[in-house]
């Protein structure tokens, strides 16, 4: 039997809606009065120290800090500017920083080994 594209779209939409309803009912979230609310979980480590380099691409961290987005999630973040990329990476590896804004390839390069080998 051949199904037309429009009919297939209607079937797919109905299945997607059914899966959404099931995931809302049994997935740990509650839908009340059109508002989706997630269950709050305990934070593993609420106090975080994040490093950054003073460049424009660290703006999301600064904005989240200033607008209180971290505190809304139960996190108390301290932002620390770093001198350069090497100091930042070394402090993350040594555990002095809990995380950092860094170059995309930096975490991968850190696992490869010293330069020149």
C-alpha atoms as a PDB file:
ATOM      1  CA  UNK A   1       0.000   0.000   0.000  1.00  0.00           C
ATOM      2  CA  UNK A   2       1.369   3.399  -0.939  1.00  0.00           C
ATOM      3  CA  UNK A   3       1.140   6.248   1.595  1.00  0.00           C
ATOM      4  CA  UNK A   4       1.014   9.821   0.375  1.00  0.00           C
ATOM      5  CA  UNK A   5       3.501  12.334   1.760  1.00  0.00           C
ATOM      6  CA  UNK A   6       0.777  14.360   3.507  1.00  0.00           C
ATOM      7  CA  UNK A   7      -0.607  11.275   5.216  1.00  0.00           C
ATOM      8  CA  UNK A   8       2.886  10.200   6.304  1.00  0.00           C
ATOM      9  CA  UNK A   9       3.444  13.656   7.805  1.00  0.00           C
ATOM     10  CA  UNK A  10       0.182  13.452   9.744  1.00  0.00           C
ATOM     11  CA  UNK A  11       1.116  10.013  11.093  1.00  0.00           C
ATOM     12  CA  UNK A  12       4.598  11.219  12.071  1.00  0.00           C
ATOM     13  CA  UNK A  13       3.158  14.293  13.814  1.00  0.00           C
ATOM     14  CA  UNK A  14       0.698  12.151  15.770  1.00  0.00           C
ATOM     15  CA  UNK A  15       3.476   9.772  16.836  1.00  0.00           C
ATOM     16  CA  UNK A  16       5.707  12.684  17.870  1.00  0.00           C
ATOM     17  CA  UNK A  17       2.892  14.193  19.935  1.00  0.00           C
ATOM     18  CA  UNK A  18       2.226  10.838  21.609  1.00  0.00           C
ATOM     19  CA  UNK A  19       5.909  10.388  22.448  1.00  0.00           C
ATOM     20  CA  UNK A  20       6.071  13.917  23.853  1.00  0.00           C
ATOM     21  CA  UNK A  21       3.084  13.292  26.105  1.00  0.00           C
ATOM     22  CA  UNK A  22       4.533   9.985  27.297  1.00  0.00           C
ATOM     23  CA  UNK A  23       7.926  11.529  28.010  1.00  0.00           C
ATOM     24  CA  UNK A  24       6.261  14.350  29.975  1.00  0.00           C
ATOM     25  CA  UNK A  25       4.220  11.896  32.008  1.00  0.00           C
ATOM     26  CA  UNK A  26       6.968   9.377  32.735  1.00  0.00           C
ATOM     27  CA  UNK A  27      10.215  11.286  32.232  1.00  0.00           C
ATOM     28  CA  UNK A  28      10.470  13.042  35.600  1.00  0.00           C
ATOM     29  CA  UNK A  29       8.979  16.325  34.446  1.00  0.00           C
ATOM     30  CA  UNK A  30       5.508  17.629  35.142  1.00  0.00           C
ATOM     31  CA  UNK A  31       3.339  19.657  32.782  1.00  0.00           C
ATOM     32  CA  UNK A  32       0.918  21.940  34.636  1.00  0.00           C
ATOM     33  CA  UNK A  33      -1.210  24.678  33.117  1.00  0.00           C
ATOM     34  CA  UNK A  34       0.952  24.857  29.992  1.00  0.00           C
ATOM     35  CA  UNK A  35       4.183  25.381  31.960  1.00  0.00           C
ATOM     36  CA  UNK A  36       6.965  22.807  31.807  1.00  0.00           C
ATOM     37  CA  UNK A  37       8.782  22.334  35.101  1.00  0.00           C
ATOM     38  CA  UNK A  38      11.853  20.186  35.585  1.00  0.00           C
ATOM     39  CA  UNK A  39      12.666  18.383  38.786  1.00  0.00           C
ATOM     40  CA  UNK A  40      15.520  20.099  40.681  1.00  0.00           C
ATOM     41  CA  UNK A  41      18.432  17.791  41.451  1.00  0.00           C
ATOM     42  CA  UNK A  42      21.145  18.221  44.061  1.00  0.00           C
ATOM     43  CA  UNK A  43      24.216  19.957  42.705  1.00  0.00           C
ATOM     44  CA  UNK A  44      27.353  17.827  42.988  1.00  0.00           C
ATOM     45  CA  UNK A  45      29.703  20.788  43.508  1.00  0.00           C
ATOM     46  CA  UNK A  46      27.977  24.153  44.033  1.00  0.00           C
ATOM     47  CA  UNK A  47      31.108  26.332  44.366  1.00  0.00           C
ATOM     48  CA  UNK A  48      32.983  26.613  41.077  1.00  0.00           C
ATOM     49  CA  UNK A  49      36.041  28.586  40.023  1.00  0.00           C
ATOM     50  CA  UNK A  50      36.128  29.206  36.256  1.00  0.00           C
ATOM     51  CA  UNK A  51      39.060  30.702  34.384  1.00  0.00           C
ATOM     52  CA  UNK A  52      38.895  32.846  31.277  1.00  0.00           C
ATOM     53  CA  UNK A  53      41.012  34.950  28.947  1.00  0.00           C
ATOM     54  CA  UNK A  54      39.853  38.550  28.492  1.00  0.00           C
ATOM     55  CA  UNK A  55      38.517  38.213  24.951  1.00  0.00           C
ATOM     56  CA  UNK A  56      35.089  38.855  23.453  1.00  0.00           C
ATOM     57  CA  UNK A  57      34.271  35.145  23.159  1.00  0.00           C
ATOM     58  CA  UNK A  58      34.105  34.864  26.967  1.00  0.00           C
ATOM     59  CA  UNK A  59      31.050  37.133  26.933  1.00  0.00           C
ATOM     60  CA  UNK A  60      28.540  34.293  27.594  1.00  0.00           C
ATOM     61  CA  UNK A  61      30.305  33.523  30.885  1.00  0.00           C
ATOM     62  CA  UNK A  62      30.282  37.176  31.953  1.00  0.00           C
ATOM     63  CA  UNK A  63      26.639  37.673  30.986  1.00  0.00           C
ATOM     64  CA  UNK A  64      25.535  34.479  32.767  1.00  0.00           C
ATOM     65  CA  UNK A  65      27.441  35.616  35.866  1.00  0.00           C
ATOM     66  CA  UNK A  66      26.048  39.168  35.838  1.00  0.00           C
ATOM     67  CA  UNK A  67      22.441  38.087  35.198  1.00  0.00           C
ATOM     68  CA  UNK A  68      22.576  35.463  37.967  1.00  0.00           C
ATOM     69  CA  UNK A  69      21.999  32.437  35.711  1.00  0.00           C
ATOM     70  CA  UNK A  70      24.508  30.368  37.695  1.00  0.00           C
ATOM     71  CA  UNK A  71      22.789  31.164  41.003  1.00  0.00           C
ATOM     72  CA  UNK A  72      19.407  30.273  39.480  1.00  0.00           C
ATOM     73  CA  UNK A  73      20.805  26.758  39.006  1.00  0.00           C
ATOM     74  CA  UNK A  74      22.254  26.572  42.528  1.00  0.00           C
ATOM     75  CA  UNK A  75      25.843  27.321  41.469  1.00  0.00           C
ATOM     76  CA  UNK A  76      28.135  29.871  43.079  1.00  0.00           C
ATOM     77  CA  UNK A  77      30.702  30.761  40.436  1.00  0.00           C
ATOM     78  CA  UNK A  78      33.844  32.829  40.762  1.00  0.00           C
ATOM     79  CA  UNK A  79      35.329  34.018  37.458  1.00  0.00           C
ATOM     80  CA  UNK A  80      39.110  34.426  37.390  1.00  0.00           C
ATOM     81  CA  UNK A  81      40.969  36.091  34.523  1.00  0.00           C
ATOM     82  CA  UNK A  82      44.123  34.248  33.436  1.00  0.00           C
ATOM     83  CA  UNK A  83      47.364  35.584  31.945  1.00  0.00           C
ATOM     84  CA  UNK A  84      47.485  33.329  28.868  1.00  0.00           C
ATOM     85  CA  UNK A  85      46.199  30.057  27.396  1.00  0.00           C
ATOM     86  CA  UNK A  86      49.026  27.939  28.855  1.00  0.00           C
ATOM     87  CA  UNK A  87      48.450  29.189  32.417  1.00  0.00           C
ATOM     88  CA  UNK A  88      44.724  28.576  31.997  1.00  0.00           C
ATOM     89  CA  UNK A  89      45.208  25.000  30.792  1.00  0.00           C
ATOM     90  CA  UNK A  90      47.811  24.224  33.462  1.00  0.00           C
ATOM     91  CA  UNK A  91      45.508  25.467  36.237  1.00  0.00           C
ATOM     92  CA  UNK A  92      42.626  23.306  34.909  1.00  0.00           C
ATOM     93  CA  UNK A  93      44.895  20.241  34.724  1.00  0.00           C
ATOM     94  CA  UNK A  94      46.267  20.876  38.240  1.00  0.00           C
ATOM     95  CA  UNK A  95      42.734  21.246  39.616  1.00  0.00           C
ATOM     96  CA  UNK A  96      43.139  24.884  40.669  1.00  0.00           C
ATOM     97  CA  UNK A  97      40.246  25.767  38.339  1.00  0.00           C
ATOM     98  CA  UNK A  98      37.062  23.735  38.033  1.00  0.00           C
ATOM     99  CA  UNK A  99      36.626  24.712  34.404  1.00  0.00           C
ATOM    100  CA  UNK A 100      37.541  27.339  31.869  1.00  0.00           C
ATOM    101  CA  UNK A 101      36.724  29.124  28.685  1.00  0.00           C
ATOM    102  CA  UNK A 102      39.439  27.882  26.321  1.00  0.00           C
ATOM    103  CA  UNK A 103      40.355  27.273  22.721  1.00  0.00           C
ATOM    104  CA  UNK A 104      38.418  24.435  21.102  1.00  0.00           C
ATOM    105  CA  UNK A 105      41.479  22.275  20.445  1.00  0.00           C
ATOM    106  CA  UNK A 106      43.129  22.854  23.799  1.00  0.00           C
ATOM    107  CA  UNK A 107      41.587  19.957  25.778  1.00  0.00           C
ATOM    108  CA  UNK A 108      42.350  17.535  22.939  1.00  0.00           C
ATOM    109  CA  UNK A 109      45.914  18.818  22.510  1.00  0.00           C
ATOM    110  CA  UNK A 110      46.518  18.448  26.249  1.00  0.00           C
ATOM    111  CA  UNK A 111      45.866  14.690  26.016  1.00  0.00           C
ATOM    112  CA  UNK A 112      48.279  14.136  23.110  1.00  0.00           C
ATOM    113  CA  UNK A 113      51.458  15.003  24.998  1.00  0.00           C
ATOM    114  CA  UNK A 114      54.227  17.593  24.966  1.00  0.00           C
ATOM    115  CA  UNK A 115      54.874  19.469  21.713  1.00  0.00           C
ATOM    116  CA  UNK A 116      57.521  18.018  19.453  1.00  0.00           C
ATOM    117  CA  UNK A 117      56.925  14.332  20.237  1.00  0.00           C
END
